[in-house]
C-alpha atoms as a PDB file:
ATOM      1  CA  MET A   1       0.000   0.000   0.000  1.00  0.00           C
ATOM      2  CA  THR A   2       2.950   2.298  -0.666  1.00  0.00           C
ATOM      3  CA  GLY A   3       1.952   5.919  -1.180  1.00  0.00           C
ATOM      4  CA  TYR A   4      -1.165   5.810   1.037  1.00  0.00           C
ATOM      5  CA  PRO A   5      -0.974   7.096   4.620  1.00  0.00           C
ATOM      6  CA  ILE A   6      -3.998   4.874   5.364  1.00  0.00           C
ATOM      7  CA  SER A   7      -3.816   1.071   5.268  1.00  0.00           C
ATOM      8  CA  PRO A   8      -6.827  -1.299   5.376  1.00  0.00           C
ATOM      9  CA  THR A   9      -6.941  -4.352   7.628  1.00  0.00           C
ATOM     10  CA  VAL A  10      -9.095  -6.141   5.000  1.00  0.00           C
ATOM     11  CA  ASP A  11      -8.410  -7.455   1.512  1.00  0.00           C
ATOM     12  CA  PHE A  12     -10.819  -5.767  -0.912  1.00  0.00           C
ATOM     13  CA  GLU A  13     -10.311  -8.557  -3.470  1.00  0.00           C
ATOM     14  CA  LEU A  14     -11.111 -11.471  -1.143  1.00  0.00           C
ATOM     15  CA  ASP A  15     -14.474 -13.216  -1.414  1.00  0.00           C
ATOM     16  CA  GLY A  16     -16.545 -13.417   1.762  1.00  0.00           C
ATOM     17  CA  VAL A  17     -17.387 -11.048   4.593  1.00  0.00           C
ATOM     18  CA  GLN A  18     -14.657  -9.046   6.293  1.00  0.00           C
ATOM     19  CA  HIS A  19     -14.987  -6.589   9.174  1.00  0.00           C
ATOM     20  CA  GLY A  20     -11.979  -4.387   9.785  1.00  0.00           C
ATOM     21  CA  TYR A  21     -10.557  -0.893   9.793  1.00  0.00           C
ATOM     22  CA  LEU A  22      -8.910   1.830   7.799  1.00  0.00           C
ATOM     23  CA  LYS A  23      -5.810   2.510   9.880  1.00  0.00           C
ATOM     24  CA  LEU A  24      -4.334   6.013   9.872  1.00  0.00           C
ATOM     25  CA  PRO A  25      -1.286   6.556  12.114  1.00  0.00           C
ATOM     26  CA  TYR A  26      -1.824   9.576  14.341  1.00  0.00           C
ATOM     27  CA  SER A  27       0.588  10.592  17.071  1.00  0.00           C
ATOM     28  CA  HIS A  28      -0.962  12.719  19.813  1.00  0.00           C
ATOM     29  CA  ASP A  29      -0.707  13.441  23.520  1.00  0.00           C
ATOM     30  CA  GLY A  30      -2.825  10.449  24.462  1.00  0.00           C
ATOM     31  CA  SER A  31      -0.991   7.933  22.267  1.00  0.00           C
ATOM     32  CA  ALA A  32       2.470   8.625  20.868  1.00  0.00           C
ATOM     33  CA  TRP A  33       2.214   5.799  18.314  1.00  0.00           C
ATOM     34  CA  GLY A  34      -1.551   5.743  18.017  1.00  0.00           C
ATOM     35  CA  SER A  35      -3.818   5.346  14.999  1.00  0.00           C
ATOM     36  CA  ILE A  36      -7.287   6.451  13.923  1.00  0.00           C
ATOM     37  CA  MET A  37      -9.204   3.220  13.286  1.00  0.00           C
ATOM     38  CA  THR A  38     -12.208   3.776  11.004  1.00  0.00           C
ATOM     39  CA  PRO A  39     -14.546   0.746  10.949  1.00  0.00           C
ATOM     40  CA  LEU A  40     -15.492  -0.826   7.630  1.00  0.00           C
ATOM     41  CA  THR A  41     -17.040  -3.985   6.232  1.00  0.00           C
ATOM     42  CA  VAL A  42     -16.538  -5.575   2.825  1.00  0.00           C
ATOM     43  CA  PHE A  43     -18.952  -8.091   1.285  1.00  0.00           C
ATOM     44  CA  LYS A  44     -17.675  -9.761  -1.889  1.00  0.00           C
ATOM     45  CA  ASN A  45     -19.245 -12.603  -3.794  1.00  0.00           C
ATOM     46  CA  GLY A  46     -17.732 -13.274  -7.200  1.00  0.00           C
ATOM     47  CA  ASP A  47     -17.642 -10.872 -10.101  1.00  0.00           C
ATOM     48  CA  GLY A  48     -19.981  -7.904 -10.419  1.00  0.00           C
ATOM     49  CA  PRO A  49     -20.220  -4.206  -9.740  1.00  0.00           C
ATOM     50  CA  THR A  50     -18.982  -2.487  -6.581  1.00  0.00           C
ATOM     51  CA  ALA A  51     -21.065  -0.220  -4.356  1.00  0.00           C
ATOM     52  CA  LEU A  52     -19.351   2.130  -1.902  1.00  0.00           C
ATOM     53  CA  LEU A  53     -21.736   3.048   0.941  1.00  0.00           C
ATOM     54  CA  THR A  54     -20.794   5.863   3.307  1.00  0.00           C
ATOM     55  CA  GLY A  55     -22.217   7.794   6.231  1.00  0.00           C
ATOM     56  CA  GLY A  56     -20.715  10.166   8.750  1.00  0.00           C
ATOM     57  CA  ASN A  57     -19.135  12.382   6.102  1.00  0.00           C
ATOM     58  CA  HIS A  58     -20.206  14.981   8.652  1.00  0.00           C
ATOM     59  CA  GLY A  59     -19.972  13.663  12.181  1.00  0.00           C
ATOM     60  CA  ASP A  60     -23.254  15.052  13.530  1.00  0.00           C
ATOM     61  CA  GLU A  61     -25.480  13.286  10.977  1.00  0.00           C
ATOM     62  CA  TYR A  62     -26.759   9.928  12.203  1.00  0.00           C
ATOM     63  CA  GLU A  63     -29.187   8.251   9.788  1.00  0.00           C
ATOM     64  CA  GLY A  64     -26.295   7.033   7.640  1.00  0.00           C
ATOM     65  CA  PRO A  65     -24.192   5.553  10.451  1.00  0.00           C
ATOM     66  CA  ILE A  66     -27.213   3.866  12.054  1.00  0.00           C
ATOM     67  CA  ALA A  67     -28.398   2.304   8.797  1.00  0.00           C
ATOM     68  CA  LEU A  68     -24.903   1.268   7.703  1.00  0.00           C
ATOM     69  CA  PHE A  69     -23.661  -0.147  11.017  1.00  0.00           C
ATOM     70  CA  GLY A  70     -26.869  -2.211  10.972  1.00  0.00           C
ATOM     71  CA  LEU A  71     -26.349  -3.311   7.384  1.00  0.00           C
ATOM     72  CA  THR A  72     -22.939  -4.814   8.252  1.00  0.00           C
ATOM     73  CA  THR A  73     -24.722  -7.528  10.267  1.00  0.00           C
ATOM     74  CA  GLU A  74     -27.889  -7.848   8.196  1.00  0.00           C
ATOM     75  CA  LEU A  75     -26.719  -8.613   4.661  1.00  0.00           C
ATOM     76  CA  ASP A  76     -26.537 -12.203   3.441  1.00  0.00           C
ATOM     77  CA  ILE A  77     -23.430 -12.814   1.326  1.00  0.00           C
ATOM     78  CA  ASN A  78     -25.373 -15.385  -0.725  1.00  0.00           C
ATOM     79  CA  GLU A  79     -27.736 -12.637  -1.925  1.00  0.00           C
ATOM     80  CA  ILE A  80     -24.871 -10.448  -3.190  1.00  0.00           C
ATOM     81  CA  SER A  81     -23.352 -10.457  -6.671  1.00  0.00           C
ATOM     82  CA  GLY A  82     -20.269  -8.289  -6.716  1.00  0.00           C
ATOM     83  CA  ARG A  83     -18.898  -6.192  -3.870  1.00  0.00           C
ATOM     84  CA  ILE A  84     -20.256  -3.835  -1.209  1.00  0.00           C
ATOM     85  CA  ILE A  85     -17.864  -1.635   0.780  1.00  0.00           C
ATOM     86  CA  ILE A  86     -19.520  -0.125   3.863  1.00  0.00           C
ATOM     87  CA  ILE A  87     -17.925   2.719   5.830  1.00  0.00           C
ATOM     88  CA  PRO A  88     -20.550   3.958   8.300  1.00  0.00           C
ATOM     89  CA  ALA A  89     -18.543   6.955   9.571  1.00  0.00           C
ATOM     90  CA  MET A  90     -16.027   8.131   6.987  1.00  0.00           C
ATOM     91  CA  ASN A  91     -14.903  11.181   9.020  1.00  0.00           C
ATOM     92  CA  TYR A  92     -14.445   9.040  12.100  1.00  0.00           C
ATOM     93  CA  PRO A  93     -12.861  11.692  14.366  1.00  0.00           C
ATOM     94  CA  ALA A  94     -15.792  14.042  13.689  1.00  0.00           C
ATOM     95  CA  PHE A  95     -18.280  11.203  14.238  1.00  0.00           C
ATOM     96  CA  ARG A  96     -16.739  10.261  17.599  1.00  0.00           C
ATOM     97  CA  ALA A  97     -16.882  13.900  18.684  1.00  0.00           C
ATOM     98  CA  GLY A  98     -20.453  14.465  17.452  1.00  0.00           C
ATOM     99  CA  ARG A  99     -19.242  17.386  15.339  1.00  0.00           C
ATOM    100  CA  ARG A 100     -19.696  18.370  11.716  1.00  0.00           C
ATOM    101  CA  THR A 101     -15.946  18.841  11.385  1.00  0.00           C
ATOM    102  CA  SER A 102     -12.930  17.046  12.795  1.00  0.00           C
ATOM    103  CA  PRO A 103     -11.856  17.909  16.357  1.00  0.00           C
ATOM    104  CA  ILE A 104      -8.261  17.225  15.277  1.00  0.00           C
ATOM    105  CA  ASP A 105      -7.810  19.739  12.453  1.00  0.00           C
ATOM    106  CA  SER A 106     -11.287  21.321  12.073  1.00  0.00           C
ATOM    107  CA  GLY A 107     -11.428  19.673   8.652  1.00  0.00           C
ATOM    108  CA  ASN A 108     -14.743  19.435   6.794  1.00  0.00           C
ATOM    109  CA  LEU A 109     -14.263  16.188   4.896  1.00  0.00           C
ATOM    110  CA  ASN A 110     -16.913  17.110   2.344  1.00  0.00           C
ATOM    111  CA  ARG A 111     -14.899  20.198   1.358  1.00  0.00           C
ATOM    112  CA  SER A 112     -11.450  18.509   1.411  1.00  0.00           C
ATOM    113  CA  PHE A 113     -11.294  16.546  -1.861  1.00  0.00           C
ATOM    114  CA  PRO A 114      -9.105  15.511  -3.609  1.00  0.00           C
ATOM    115  CA  GLY A 115      -7.160  15.472  -0.349  1.00  0.00           C
ATOM    116  CA  ASN A 116      -3.459  15.321   0.294  1.00  0.00           C
ATOM    117  CA  PRO A 117      -1.458  12.237   1.418  1.00  0.00           C
ATOM    118  CA  LYS A 118       0.960  14.551   3.252  1.00  0.00           C
ATOM    119  CA  GLY A 119      -1.664  16.935   4.609  1.00  0.00           C
ATOM    120  CA  SER A 120      -3.853  17.078   7.702  1.00  0.00           C
ATOM    121  CA  VAL A 121      -5.770  14.084   9.061  1.00  0.00           C
ATOM    122  CA  THR A 122      -8.905  15.100   7.143  1.00  0.00           C
ATOM    123  CA  GLU A 123      -6.919  15.626   3.935  1.00  0.00           C
ATOM    124  CA  LYS A 124      -5.385  12.167   4.313  1.00  0.00           C
ATOM    125  CA  ILE A 125      -8.844  10.594   4.666  1.00  0.00           C
ATOM    126  CA  ALA A 126     -10.043  12.430   1.553  1.00  0.00           C
ATOM    127  CA  ASP A 127      -6.923  11.333  -0.336  1.00  0.00           C
ATOM    128  CA  TYR A 128      -7.570   7.659   0.451  1.00  0.00           C
ATOM    129  CA  PHE A 129     -11.132   7.878  -0.804  1.00  0.00           C
ATOM    130  CA  GLN A 130     -10.012   9.822  -3.882  1.00  0.00           C
ATOM    131  CA  ARG A 131      -7.133   7.579  -4.938  1.00  0.00           C
ATOM    132  CA  LYS A 132      -8.123   4.149  -3.575  1.00  0.00           C
ATOM    133  CA  LEU A 133     -11.802   3.696  -2.740  1.00  0.00           C
ATOM    134  CA  LEU A 134     -13.621   5.751  -5.378  1.00  0.00           C
ATOM    135  CA  PRO A 135     -11.699   4.152  -8.284  1.00  0.00           C
ATOM    136  CA  MET A 136     -12.932   0.729  -7.123  1.00  0.00           C
ATOM    137  CA  ALA A 137     -16.581   1.782  -7.061  1.00  0.00           C
ATOM    138  CA  ASP A 138     -19.248   1.745  -9.745  1.00  0.00           C
ATOM    139  CA  PHE A 139     -22.001   3.083  -7.484  1.00  0.00           C
ATOM    140  CA  VAL A 140     -21.484   5.537  -4.601  1.00  0.00           C
ATOM    141  CA  ILE A 141     -24.185   6.261  -2.021  1.00  0.00           C
ATOM    142  CA  ASP A 142     -23.427   8.889   0.633  1.00  0.00           C
ATOM    143  CA  ILE A 143     -26.067   9.280   3.356  1.00  0.00           C
ATOM    144  CA  HIS A 144     -26.437  12.777   4.825  1.00  0.00           C
ATOM    145  CA  SER A 145     -28.920  14.590   7.048  1.00  0.00           C
ATOM    146  CA  GLY A 146     -29.015  18.147   8.342  1.00  0.00           C
ATOM    147  CA  GLY A 147     -26.828  17.722  11.403  1.00  0.00           C
ATOM    148  CA  LYS A 148     -27.137  20.159  14.298  1.00  0.00           C
ATOM    149  CA  THR A 149     -27.805  23.302  12.242  1.00  0.00           C
ATOM    150  CA  LEU A 150     -30.219  22.240   9.472  1.00  0.00           C
ATOM    151  CA  ASP A 151     -33.404  20.220   9.054  1.00  0.00           C
ATOM    152  CA  PHE A 152     -34.703  18.868   5.738  1.00  0.00           C
ATOM    153  CA  LEU A 153     -37.501  17.035   4.087  1.00  0.00           C
ATOM    154  CA  PRO A 154     -36.345  13.426   3.669  1.00  0.00           C
ATOM    155  CA  PHE A 155     -34.976  13.403   0.126  1.00  0.00           C
ATOM    156  CA  CYS A 156     -32.579  11.511  -2.091  1.00  0.00           C
ATOM    157  CA  ALA A 157     -30.601  13.689  -4.487  1.00  0.00           C
ATOM    158  CA  ALA A 158     -28.758  13.673  -7.781  1.00  0.00           C
ATOM    159  CA  HIS A 159     -27.014  16.546  -9.593  1.00  0.00           C
ATOM    160  CA  ILE A 160     -27.178  18.135 -13.017  1.00  0.00           C
ATOM    161  CA  LEU A 161     -24.103  16.812 -14.878  1.00  0.00           C
ATOM    162  CA  HIS A 162     -22.447  17.670 -18.184  1.00  0.00           C
ATOM    163  CA  ASP A 163     -22.493  13.974 -19.089  1.00  0.00           C
ATOM    164  CA  LYS A 164     -26.215  13.359 -19.600  1.00  0.00           C
ATOM    165  CA  ALA A 165     -25.802   9.582 -19.865  1.00  0.00           C
ATOM    166  CA  GLN A 166     -24.115   9.577 -16.457  1.00  0.00           C
ATOM    167  CA  GLN A 167     -26.761  11.947 -15.073  1.00  0.00           C
ATOM    168  CA  SER A 168     -29.495   9.593 -16.298  1.00  0.00           C
ATOM    169  CA  LYS A 169     -27.914   6.695 -14.379  1.00  0.00           C
ATOM    170  CA  CYS A 170     -27.676   8.825 -11.242  1.00  0.00           C
ATOM    171  CA  VAL A 171     -31.336   9.834 -11.561  1.00  0.00           C
ATOM    172  CA  GLU A 172     -32.307   6.180 -12.050  1.00  0.00           C
ATOM    173  CA  LEU A 173     -30.489   5.252  -8.828  1.00  0.00           C
ATOM    174  CA  MET A 174     -32.065   8.224  -7.012  1.00  0.00           C
ATOM    175  CA  GLN A 175     -35.513   7.070  -8.088  1.00  0.00           C
ATOM    176  CA  ALA A 176     -34.696   3.518  -7.004  1.00  0.00           C
ATOM    177  CA  PHE A 177     -33.713   4.784  -3.536  1.00  0.00           C
ATOM    178  CA  ASN A 178     -37.356   5.890  -3.368  1.00  0.00           C
ATOM    179  CA  ALA A 179     -37.191   8.462  -0.577  1.00  0.00           C
ATOM    180  CA  PRO A 180     -40.419  10.412  -0.003  1.00  0.00           C
ATOM    181  CA  TYR A 181     -38.843  13.206  -2.088  1.00  0.00           C
ATOM    182  CA  SER A 182     -36.425  12.923  -5.026  1.00  0.00           C
ATOM    183  CA  LEU A 183     -34.490  16.144  -5.667  1.00  0.00           C
ATOM    184  CA  MET A 184     -32.221  17.488  -8.392  1.00  0.00           C
ATOM    185  CA  LEU A 185     -29.956  19.249  -5.909  1.00  0.00           C
ATOM    186  CA  LEU A 186     -28.273  22.602  -6.427  1.00  0.00           C
ATOM    187  CA  GLU A 187     -25.276  22.871  -4.077  1.00  0.00           C
ATOM    188  CA  VAL A 188     -24.427  26.076  -2.213  1.00  0.00           C
ATOM    189  CA  ASP A 189     -20.741  25.323  -2.850  1.00  0.00           C
ATOM    190  CA  ALA A 190     -19.555  22.182  -4.666  1.00  0.00           C
ATOM    191  CA  THR A 191     -15.830  22.920  -4.301  1.00  0.00           C
ATOM    192  CA  GLY A 192     -13.920  20.037  -2.727  1.00  0.00           C
ATOM    193  CA  MET A 193     -16.963  17.834  -2.305  1.00  0.00           C
ATOM    194  CA  TYR A 194     -16.973  14.038  -2.204  1.00  0.00           C
ATOM    195  CA  ASP A 195     -19.941  14.239  -4.582  1.00  0.00           C
ATOM    196  CA  SER A 196     -17.917  16.116  -7.198  1.00  0.00           C
ATOM    197  CA  ALA A 197     -14.919  13.801  -6.794  1.00  0.00           C
ATOM    198  CA  ALA A 198     -17.096  10.746  -7.514  1.00  0.00           C
ATOM    199  CA  GLU A 199     -18.982  12.373 -10.377  1.00  0.00           C
ATOM    200  CA  GLU A 200     -15.795  13.610 -12.058  1.00  0.00           C
ATOM    201  CA  MET A 201     -14.617   9.977 -12.141  1.00  0.00           C
ATOM    202  CA  GLY A 202     -17.817   9.003 -13.942  1.00  0.00           C
ATOM    203  CA  LYS A 203     -19.333   7.179 -10.974  1.00  0.00           C
ATOM    204  CA  VAL A 204     -23.059   6.774 -10.424  1.00  0.00           C
ATOM    205  CA  PHE A 205     -23.478   8.938  -7.316  1.00  0.00           C
ATOM    206  CA  ILE A 206     -26.440   9.803  -5.099  1.00  0.00           C
ATOM    207  CA  SER A 207     -26.728  11.413  -1.696  1.00  0.00           C
ATOM    208  CA  THR A 208     -29.500  12.211   0.763  1.00  0.00           C
ATOM    209  CA  GLU A 209     -30.689  14.695   3.325  1.00  0.00           C
ATOM    210  CA  LEU A 210     -32.846  12.819   5.817  1.00  0.00           C
ATOM    211  CA  GLY A 211     -34.067  15.167   8.522  1.00  0.00           C
ATOM    212  CA  GLY A 212     -31.634  16.879  10.862  1.00  0.00           C
ATOM    213  CA  GLY A 213     -31.405  18.603  14.211  1.00  0.00           C
ATOM    214  CA  GLY A 214     -28.392  16.570  15.314  1.00  0.00           C
ATOM    215  CA  SER A 215     -30.334  13.381  15.948  1.00  0.00           C
ATOM    216  CA  ALA A 216     -32.218  10.703  14.010  1.00  0.00           C
ATOM    217  CA  GLY A 217     -35.829   9.547  14.018  1.00  0.00           C
ATOM    218  CA  ALA A 218     -37.482   6.204  13.370  1.00  0.00           C
ATOM    219  CA  LYS A 219     -38.996   7.384  10.069  1.00  0.00           C
ATOM    220  CA  THR A 220     -35.789   8.792   8.623  1.00  0.00           C
ATOM    221  CA  ILE A 221     -33.748   5.765   9.689  1.00  0.00           C
ATOM    222  CA  ALA A 222     -36.330   3.518   7.993  1.00  0.00           C
ATOM    223  CA  ILE A 223     -36.059   5.629   4.822  1.00  0.00           C
ATOM    224  CA  ALA A 224     -32.278   5.182   4.826  1.00  0.00           C
ATOM    225  CA  ARG A 225     -32.492   1.418   5.385  1.00  0.00           C
ATOM    226  CA  LYS A 226     -35.073   0.861   2.675  1.00  0.00           C
ATOM    227  CA  GLY A 227     -33.397   3.231   0.241  1.00  0.00           C
ATOM    228  CA  ILE A 228     -29.947   1.679   0.498  1.00  0.00           C
ATOM    229  CA  ARG A 229     -31.334  -1.808  -0.135  1.00  0.00           C
ATOM    230  CA  ASN A 230     -33.447  -0.553  -3.039  1.00  0.00           C
ATOM    231  CA  ALA A 231     -30.424   1.098  -4.617  1.00  0.00           C
ATOM    232  CA  LEU A 232     -28.311  -2.049  -4.240  1.00  0.00           C
ATOM    233  CA  LYS A 233     -31.072  -4.090  -5.883  1.00  0.00           C
ATOM    234  CA  SER A 234     -31.362  -1.562  -8.708  1.00  0.00           C
ATOM    235  CA  ALA A 235     -27.601  -1.796  -9.244  1.00  0.00           C
ATOM    236  CA  GLY A 236     -27.826  -5.582  -9.596  1.00  0.00           C
ATOM    237  CA  ILE A 237     -25.695  -6.188  -6.509  1.00  0.00           C
ATOM    238  CA  LEU A 238     -28.368  -7.350  -4.061  1.00  0.00           C
ATOM    239  CA  ALA A 239     -31.051  -9.936  -4.869  1.00  0.00           C
ATOM    240  CA  GLY A 240     -34.725  -9.297  -4.286  1.00  0.00           C
ATOM    241  CA  GLU A 241     -37.562  -6.961  -5.229  1.00  0.00           C
ATOM    242  CA  GLN A 242     -37.431  -3.255  -4.507  1.00  0.00           C
ATOM    243  CA  GLU A 243     -39.846  -1.839  -1.939  1.00  0.00           C
ATOM    244  CA  ARG A 244     -41.724   1.002  -3.656  1.00  0.00           C
ATOM    245  CA  ALA A 245     -43.832   3.938  -2.492  1.00  0.00           C
ATOM    246  CA  ASP A 246     -44.792   7.323  -3.918  1.00  0.00           C
ATOM    247  CA  SER A 247     -41.961   9.870  -4.260  1.00  0.00           C
ATOM    248  CA  ILE A 248     -42.445  13.558  -5.065  1.00  0.00           C
ATOM    249  CA  ASN A 249     -39.990  14.910  -7.656  1.00  0.00           C
ATOM    250  CA  LEU A 250     -38.403  18.275  -6.843  1.00  0.00           C
ATOM    251  CA  ASP A 251     -35.979  20.591  -8.598  1.00  0.00           C
ATOM    252  CA  MET A 252     -33.796  23.538  -7.536  1.00  0.00           C
ATOM    253  CA  PRO A 253     -33.556  25.761 -10.624  1.00  0.00           C
ATOM    254  CA  ASP A 254     -31.364  28.601  -9.347  1.00  0.00           C
ATOM    255  CA  SER A 255     -29.926  30.491  -6.365  1.00  0.00           C
ATOM    256  CA  ARG A 256     -33.361  31.794  -5.363  1.00  0.00           C
ATOM    257  CA  CYS A 257     -33.835  28.417  -3.724  1.00  0.00           C
ATOM    258  CA  PHE A 258     -31.616  29.556  -0.848  1.00  0.00           C
ATOM    259  CA  VAL A 259     -32.818  32.229   1.577  1.00  0.00           C
ATOM    260  CA  SER A 260     -29.900  33.566   3.647  1.00  0.00           C
ATOM    261  CA  SER A 261     -30.012  35.618   6.820  1.00  0.00           C
ATOM    262  CA  GLU A 262     -28.791  39.201   6.729  1.00  0.00           C
ATOM    263  CA  THR A 263     -29.338  39.588  10.462  1.00  0.00           C
ATOM    264  CA  THR A 264     -28.458  37.859  13.722  1.00  0.00           C
ATOM    265  CA  GLY A 265     -31.071  36.990  16.315  1.00  0.00           C
ATOM    266  CA  LEU A 266     -33.981  34.755  17.264  1.00  0.00           C
ATOM    267  CA  LEU A 267     -35.530  32.826  14.377  1.00  0.00           C
ATOM    268  CA  GLU A 268     -39.262  32.298  13.947  1.00  0.00           C
ATOM    269  CA  ILE A 269     -39.955  29.916  11.075  1.00  0.00           C
ATOM    270  CA  CYS A 270     -43.376  30.624   9.557  1.00  0.00           C
ATOM    271  CA  ALA A 271     -43.858  27.456   7.485  1.00  0.00           C
ATOM    272  CA  GLU A 272     -43.495  23.744   8.065  1.00  0.00           C
ATOM    273  CA  LEU A 273     -41.274  21.451   6.041  1.00  0.00           C
ATOM    274  CA  GLY A 274     -43.267  20.108   3.117  1.00  0.00           C
ATOM    275  CA  ASP A 275     -45.631  23.089   2.975  1.00  0.00           C
ATOM    276  CA  GLU A 276     -46.358  24.579  -0.416  1.00  0.00           C
ATOM    277  CA  VAL A 277     -45.305  28.252  -0.297  1.00  0.00           C
ATOM    278  CA  GLU A 278     -45.874  31.221  -2.577  1.00  0.00           C
ATOM    279  CA  GLU A 279     -43.650  34.017  -3.811  1.00  0.00           C
ATOM    280  CA  GLY A 280     -43.842  36.945  -1.373  1.00  0.00           C
ATOM    281  CA  GLN A 281     -45.152  34.849   1.517  1.00  0.00           C
ATOM    282  CA  ILE A 282     -43.498  35.535   4.881  1.00  0.00           C
ATOM    283  CA  ILE A 283     -41.467  32.435   5.706  1.00  0.00           C
ATOM    284  CA  ALA A 284     -39.402  33.725   8.657  1.00  0.00           C
ATOM    285  CA  ARG A 285     -39.041  36.509  11.182  1.00  0.00           C
ATOM    286  CA  ILE A 286     -35.803  37.296  12.998  1.00  0.00           C
ATOM    287  CA  TYR A 287     -36.002  39.177  16.294  1.00  0.00           C
ATOM    288  CA  ASP A 288     -33.347  41.386  17.864  1.00  0.00           C
ATOM    289  CA  ILE A 289     -32.353  39.594  21.078  1.00  0.00           C
ATOM    290  CA  GLU A 290     -30.506  42.542  22.600  1.00  0.00           C
ATOM    291  CA  ARG A 291     -33.512  44.824  23.061  1.00  0.00           C
ATOM    292  CA  THR A 292     -37.298  44.822  23.154  1.00  0.00           C
ATOM    293  CA  GLY A 293     -39.591  47.096  21.198  1.00  0.00           C
ATOM    294  CA  VAL A 294     -37.927  46.387  17.851  1.00  0.00           C
ATOM    295  CA  ASP A 295     -39.922  44.965  14.956  1.00  0.00           C
ATOM    296  CA  PRO A 296     -38.580  41.668  13.602  1.00  0.00           C
ATOM    297  CA  VAL A 297     -36.892  41.512  10.203  1.00  0.00           C
ATOM    298  CA  LEU A 298     -39.177  39.759   7.733  1.00  0.00           C
ATOM    299  CA  TYR A 299     -38.000  37.243   5.144  1.00  0.00           C
ATOM    300  CA  ARG A 300     -40.251  36.395   2.220  1.00  0.00           C
ATOM    301  CA  CYS A 301     -40.361  33.424  -0.104  1.00  0.00           C
ATOM    302  CA  PRO A 302     -38.533  34.249  -3.361  1.00  0.00           C
ATOM    303  CA  MET A 303     -40.686  31.952  -5.530  1.00  0.00           C
ATOM    304  CA  ASP A 304     -43.530  29.463  -5.513  1.00  0.00           C
ATOM    305  CA  GLY A 305     -42.440  26.040  -4.346  1.00  0.00           C
ATOM    306  CA  VAL A 306     -42.109  23.567  -1.490  1.00  0.00           C
ATOM    307  CA  PHE A 307     -40.500  24.416   1.859  1.00  0.00           C
ATOM    308  CA  ALA A 308     -37.687  21.848   1.741  1.00  0.00           C
ATOM    309  CA  GLY A 309     -35.164  22.857   4.400  1.00  0.00           C
ATOM    310  CA  ARG A 310     -34.680  25.197   7.342  1.00  0.00           C
ATOM    311  CA  HIS A 311     -32.142  26.484   9.831  1.00  0.00           C
ATOM    312  CA  PHE A 312     -32.028  24.628  13.126  1.00  0.00           C
ATOM    313  CA  PRO A 313     -32.344  25.348  16.068  1.00  0.00           C
ATOM    314  CA  GLY A 314     -33.682  28.773  17.179  1.00  0.00           C
ATOM    315  CA  LEU A 315     -30.804  31.274  17.125  1.00  0.00           C
ATOM    316  CA  ILE A 316     -29.403  32.370  13.785  1.00  0.00           C
ATOM    317  CA  SER A 317     -26.369  34.365  12.638  1.00  0.00           C
ATOM    318  CA  LEU A 318     -25.592  36.647   9.744  1.00  0.00           C
ATOM    319  CA  GLY A 319     -24.966  34.525   6.622  1.00  0.00           C
ATOM    320  CA  ASP A 320     -26.768  31.382   7.800  1.00  0.00           C
ATOM    321  CA  ILE A 321     -29.271  29.678   5.514  1.00  0.00           C
ATOM    322  CA  ILE A 322     -32.787  30.381   6.784  1.00  0.00           C
ATOM    323  CA  ALA A 323     -34.728  28.267   4.306  1.00  0.00           C
ATOM    324  CA  VAL A 324     -34.426  26.104   1.204  1.00  0.00           C
ATOM    325  CA  ILE A 325     -37.191  26.238  -1.404  1.00  0.00           C
ATOM    326  CA  ALA A 326     -37.619  23.622  -4.127  1.00  0.00           C
ATOM    327  CA  LYS A 327     -40.048  23.365  -7.034  1.00  0.00           C
ATOM    328  CA  LYS A 328     -42.246  20.401  -7.867  1.00  0.00           C
ATOM    329  CA  CYS A 329     -41.394  18.852 -11.236  1.00  0.00           C
END
């Protein structure tokens, strides 16, 4: 494994089920010759495509880790054709700390690609995914939710891509995931993202936002579990019939979909997630928390659509996203 700062304790080419770690040496005050040990599982049964399943890209998002840690004990190797690589918490230091970013270097893994084998801990993790794991994969599924500062409708997402054949495959996998909402996602900032790294390699990539608030609920966990299995079945890796339900198709046509705060204070959200909203409708009020007798600042919906995401919890700062609006297709 020369050239990689991370070494796996499993053999990715070996048939069977292997539970192990990605081992990254890390010397610190508590352990001079210590290592960061990121859990992973590999299922391989003969020839076939490879799916790379990840959660914990941000450490305060829990639907992915819960569904994927569970999947490592639930899958039957005899029902698999090909290979499934499961990494429930890819930014493991952030996951252990319950933080969006790493407590070691403050690294946001989902803004650190392509990484650097000689860089910070987070850059080394990104480098291993970029140079080793992503090239092995045909399908990449990265499970996100809103973490401590956002809350979303439960949706599976794909992106608009220059390669329309690739985009079509991503949309097909998104539809197979069969979340309650299926969204063509416009990113606030795609620079350095895991998504972009996978897509630029030509991989079939989907992600999710499944709730938020720094915890996980029974409904959103069930959506993740069902969706991952559906996607694996659609990819021809897992045997069995897909479990189907209605899914509402959404789009994000332009930057009007994001409503940002130009004030700091106490947030009153004036719509519920999933509500249909109209252009000009008041969707939030922000109150000055340093004095009484001051009218709140009003924020209005920039277009007709569906209220798809919101700031969480109640206090908000200048520059934060207040709301995300999407359009029904």
